[in-house]
C-alpha atoms as a PDB file:
ATOM      1  CA  MET A   1     110.318  82.300 121.219  1.00  0.00           C
ATOM      2  CA  ASP A   2     106.697  83.201 121.889  1.00  0.00           C
ATOM      3  CA  ILE A   3     104.863  85.975 119.993  1.00  0.00           C
ATOM      4  CA  ILE A   4     105.088  88.491 122.845  1.00  0.00           C
ATOM      5  CA  GLN A   5     108.851  88.064 123.148  1.00  0.00           C
ATOM      6  CA  ARG A   6     109.184  88.261 119.342  1.00  0.00           C
ATOM      7  CA  ASN A   7     107.302  91.568 119.305  1.00  0.00           C
ATOM      8  CA  LYS A   8     109.517  92.976 122.066  1.00  0.00           C
ATOM      9  CA  GLU A   9     112.601  92.026 120.063  1.00  0.00           C
ATOM     10  CA  LEU A  10     111.072  93.673 116.991  1.00  0.00           C
ATOM     11  CA  MET A  11     110.594  96.900 118.971  1.00  0.00           C
ATOM     12  CA  LYS A  12     114.283  96.921 119.891  1.00  0.00           C
ATOM     13  CA  LYS A  13     115.078  96.672 116.180  1.00  0.00           C
ATOM     14  CA  PHE A  14     112.504  99.404 115.545  1.00  0.00           C
ATOM     15  CA  GLU A  15     114.372 101.679 117.969  1.00  0.00           C
ATOM     16  CA  THR A  16     117.507 101.164 115.876  1.00  0.00           C
ATOM     17  CA  MET A  17     115.530 101.809 112.704  1.00  0.00           C
ATOM     18  CA  ILE A  18     114.132 105.176 113.803  1.00  0.00           C
ATOM     19  CA  ASN A  19     117.452 106.370 115.233  1.00  0.00           C
ATOM     20  CA  THR A  20     119.404 105.463 112.101  1.00  0.00           C
ATOM     21  CA  ALA A  21     116.650 105.944 109.462  1.00  0.00           C
ATOM     22  CA  ASP A  22     117.638 102.506 108.116  1.00  0.00           C
ATOM     23  CA  GLU A  23     115.475 101.839 105.050  1.00  0.00           C
ATOM     24  CA  ASN A  24     116.201  98.097 105.059  1.00  0.00           C
ATOM     25  CA  LEU A  25     115.034  97.751 108.662  1.00  0.00           C
ATOM     26  CA  ALA A  26     111.977  99.887 107.860  1.00  0.00           C
ATOM     27  CA  GLU A  27     110.990  97.510 105.056  1.00  0.00           C
ATOM     28  CA  GLU A  28     111.630  94.497 107.312  1.00  0.00           C
ATOM     29  CA  LEU A  29     109.621  95.811 110.269  1.00  0.00           C
ATOM     30  CA  VAL A  30     106.750  97.804 108.755  1.00  0.00           C
ATOM     31  CA  TYR A  31     103.902  96.365 106.657  1.00  0.00           C
ATOM     32  CA  SER A  32     103.888  97.978 103.209  1.00  0.00           C
ATOM     33  CA  ASP A  33     100.233  99.127 103.441  1.00  0.00           C
ATOM     34  CA  ALA A  34     100.449 100.484 107.008  1.00  0.00           C
ATOM     35  CA  PRO A  35      99.356 104.161 107.132  1.00  0.00           C
ATOM     36  CA  PHE A  36     101.264 106.760 109.163  1.00  0.00           C
ATOM     37  CA  TYR A  37     100.406 110.394 109.811  1.00  0.00           C
ATOM     38  CA  THR A  38     102.552 113.494 110.202  1.00  0.00           C
ATOM     39  CA  PRO A  39     101.820 117.213 110.445  1.00  0.00           C
ATOM     40  CA  ALA A  40     103.985 117.594 107.319  1.00  0.00           C
ATOM     41  CA  SER A  41     101.536 115.676 105.112  1.00  0.00           C
ATOM     42  CA  PRO A  42      97.752 116.022 104.850  1.00  0.00           C
ATOM     43  CA  GLU A  43      97.516 112.440 103.561  1.00  0.00           C
ATOM     44  CA  PRO A  44      98.778 109.292 105.284  1.00  0.00           C
ATOM     45  CA  LEU A  45     102.187 107.942 104.298  1.00  0.00           C
ATOM     46  CA  TYR A  46     102.501 104.194 103.823  1.00  0.00           C
ATOM     47  CA  GLY A  47     104.925 101.440 104.743  1.00  0.00           C
ATOM     48  CA  GLY A  48     108.506 101.662 105.892  1.00  0.00           C
ATOM     49  CA  LYS A  49     109.338 104.620 103.676  1.00  0.00           C
ATOM     50  CA  GLY A  50     106.245 106.422 104.923  1.00  0.00           C
ATOM     51  CA  TYR A  51     107.266 105.850 108.511  1.00  0.00           C
ATOM     52  CA  LEU A  52     110.739 107.135 107.768  1.00  0.00           C
ATOM     53  CA  SER A  53     109.112 110.290 106.368  1.00  0.00           C
ATOM     54  CA  VAL A  54     107.919 110.958 109.913  1.00  0.00           C
ATOM     55  CA  VAL A  55     111.486 110.439 111.171  1.00  0.00           C
ATOM     56  CA  HIS A  56     112.871 112.794 108.495  1.00  0.00           C
ATOM     57  CA  PHE A  57     110.193 115.367 109.386  1.00  0.00           C
ATOM     58  CA  MET A  58     111.446 115.326 112.984  1.00  0.00           C
ATOM     59  CA  ARG A  59     115.087 115.506 111.844  1.00  0.00           C
ATOM     60  CA  SER A  60     114.338 118.592 109.765  1.00  0.00           C
ATOM     61  CA  GLY A  61     113.791 120.515 113.012  1.00  0.00           C
ATOM     62  CA  PHE A  62     116.006 118.459 115.334  1.00  0.00           C
ATOM     63  CA  SER A  63     118.993 117.077 113.412  1.00  0.00           C
ATOM     64  CA  ASP A  64     120.205 115.115 116.450  1.00  0.00           C
ATOM     65  CA  VAL A  65     116.789 113.698 117.439  1.00  0.00           C
ATOM     66  CA  GLN A  66     116.944 110.350 119.223  1.00  0.00           C
ATOM     67  CA  TRP A  67     114.333 108.031 120.661  1.00  0.00           C
ATOM     68  CA  LYS A  68     115.224 105.838 123.651  1.00  0.00           C
ATOM     69  CA  LEU A  69     112.887 102.967 124.429  1.00  0.00           C
ATOM     70  CA  GLU A  70     112.381 103.304 128.175  1.00  0.00           C
ATOM     71  CA  ASP A  71     109.546 100.883 128.839  1.00  0.00           C
ATOM     72  CA  MET A  72     107.126  98.619 126.998  1.00  0.00           C
ATOM     73  CA  VAL A  73     104.147  96.426 127.758  1.00  0.00           C
ATOM     74  CA  ALA A  74     103.185  93.801 125.210  1.00  0.00           C
ATOM     75  CA  ASP A  75     100.529  91.320 124.280  1.00  0.00           C
ATOM     76  CA  GLU A  76     100.230  89.188 121.171  1.00  0.00           C
ATOM     77  CA  ASP A  77      99.246  91.908 118.687  1.00  0.00           C
ATOM     78  CA  LYS A  78     100.248  95.233 120.267  1.00  0.00           C
ATOM     79  CA  ILE A  79     102.889  96.930 122.354  1.00  0.00           C
ATOM     80  CA  ALA A  80     102.684 100.134 124.371  1.00  0.00           C
ATOM     81  CA  VAL A  81     106.016 101.959 124.401  1.00  0.00           C
ATOM     82  CA  ARG A  82     107.253 104.893 126.452  1.00  0.00           C
ATOM     83  CA  TRP A  83     109.965 106.729 124.545  1.00  0.00           C
ATOM     84  CA  LYS A  84     112.293 109.460 125.713  1.00  0.00           C
ATOM     85  CA  LEU A  85     112.725 111.816 122.776  1.00  0.00           C
ATOM     86  CA  THR A  86     115.698 114.184 122.874  1.00  0.00           C
ATOM     87  CA  GLY A  87     117.155 116.655 120.433  1.00  0.00           C
ATOM     88  CA  THR A  88     118.229 120.210 119.692  1.00  0.00           C
ATOM     89  CA  HIS A  89     115.905 122.603 117.864  1.00  0.00           C
ATOM     90  CA  ASP A  90     118.402 123.531 115.134  1.00  0.00           C
ATOM     91  CA  GLY A  91     116.106 123.662 112.098  1.00  0.00           C
ATOM     92  CA  GLU A  92     112.743 125.176 111.267  1.00  0.00           C
ATOM     93  CA  PHE A  93     109.937 123.134 112.811  1.00  0.00           C
ATOM     94  CA  LEU A  94     106.248 123.722 112.146  1.00  0.00           C
ATOM     95  CA  GLY A  95     107.048 127.259 111.010  1.00  0.00           C
ATOM     96  CA  THR A  96     109.218 128.079 114.022  1.00  0.00           C
ATOM     97  CA  LYS A  97     112.774 129.168 113.348  1.00  0.00           C
ATOM     98  CA  PRO A  98     115.544 127.339 115.231  1.00  0.00           C
ATOM     99  CA  THR A  99     115.852 128.326 118.891  1.00  0.00           C
ATOM    100  CA  GLY A 100     118.814 126.150 119.845  1.00  0.00           C
ATOM    101  CA  ASN A 101     116.717 124.820 122.735  1.00  0.00           C
ATOM    102  CA  LYS A 102     117.316 121.262 123.869  1.00  0.00           C
ATOM    103  CA  ILE A 103     114.227 119.116 124.289  1.00  0.00           C
ATOM    104  CA  SER A 104     113.633 116.002 126.344  1.00  0.00           C
ATOM    105  CA  VAL A 105     110.070 114.719 126.293  1.00  0.00           C
ATOM    106  CA  CYS A 106     108.189 111.556 127.120  1.00  0.00           C
ATOM    107  CA  VAL A 107     106.293 110.136 124.150  1.00  0.00           C
ATOM    108  CA  MET A 108     103.834 107.234 124.311  1.00  0.00           C
ATOM    109  CA  ASN A 109     102.925 105.050 121.340  1.00  0.00           C
ATOM    110  CA  PHE A 110     100.922 101.906 120.694  1.00  0.00           C
ATOM    111  CA  TYR A 111     102.202  99.655 117.912  1.00  0.00           C
ATOM    112  CA  TYR A 112      99.981  97.007 116.341  1.00  0.00           C
ATOM    113  CA  PHE A 113     101.372  93.893 114.632  1.00  0.00           C
ATOM    114  CA  ASN A 114     100.018  91.539 111.994  1.00  0.00           C
ATOM    115  CA  ASN A 115     100.516  87.753 112.182  1.00  0.00           C
ATOM    116  CA  ASP A 116     103.820  88.065 110.300  1.00  0.00           C
ATOM    117  CA  GLY A 117     105.261  90.337 112.982  1.00  0.00           C
ATOM    118  CA  LYS A 118     105.114  93.533 110.928  1.00  0.00           C
ATOM    119  CA  ILE A 119     103.907  96.847 112.312  1.00  0.00           C
ATOM    120  CA  ILE A 120     100.537  97.734 110.803  1.00  0.00           C
ATOM    121  CA  ASN A 121      99.649 100.790 112.887  1.00  0.00           C
ATOM    122  CA  ASP A 122     101.220 103.304 115.257  1.00  0.00           C
ATOM    123  CA  VAL A 123      98.944 105.337 117.510  1.00  0.00           C
ATOM    124  CA  ALA A 124     100.768 108.164 119.283  1.00  0.00           C
ATOM    125  CA  ALA A 125      99.762 109.970 122.423  1.00  0.00           C
ATOM    126  CA  GLU A 126     100.062 113.733 122.261  1.00  0.00           C
ATOM    127  CA  GLY A 127     103.804 114.281 122.622  1.00  0.00           C
ATOM    128  CA  MET A 128     103.795 117.337 120.378  1.00  0.00           C
ATOM    129  CA  ILE A 129     102.908 119.696 123.245  1.00  0.00           C
ATOM    130  CA  GLY A 130     106.141 118.717 124.991  1.00  0.00           C
ATOM    131  CA  ILE A 131     108.122 119.463 121.848  1.00  0.00           C
ATOM    132  CA  LEU A 132     106.441 122.855 121.425  1.00  0.00           C
ATOM    133  CA  ARG A 133     107.146 123.715 125.073  1.00  0.00           C
ATOM    134  CA  GLY A 134     110.742 122.596 124.622  1.00  0.00           C
ATOM    135  CA  ILE A 135     111.380 125.003 121.763  1.00  0.00           C
ATOM    136  CA  GLY A 136     109.578 127.815 123.564  1.00  0.00           C
ATOM    137  CA  ILE A 137     106.531 128.414 121.354  1.00  0.00           C
ATOM    138  CA  TYR A 138     103.992 127.049 123.832  1.00  0.00           C
ATOM    139  CA  LYS A 139     103.986 127.793 127.536  1.00  0.00           C
END
């Protein structure tokens, strides 16, 4: 299997990891020193557990949140992914009380890999505006 195909297969496993919050998969797929950012933390969070903190942050406001990998474009050290994020706003999120609104937004991310096939960076496009519109606090 070539590197590009390997990275695509890793992203399919990553989809499972974020939808199940599987700590073992997170450790397998994410480099331990990789920094990740969330509005819930002023400092970066690191490694698989840090990435799962982002997932748990989303689940605190949307207990049924799911990411569906809809498309990806890959080269040897990065992949661009288009996700469909869905969920129900059933918990407080960024200071907004639950609305019960269903969301369905397109989210774009770039994932960067090291030579060992571990994710070392995740750069997200601004998907937050779609979430805020979905729960009715931004028009």
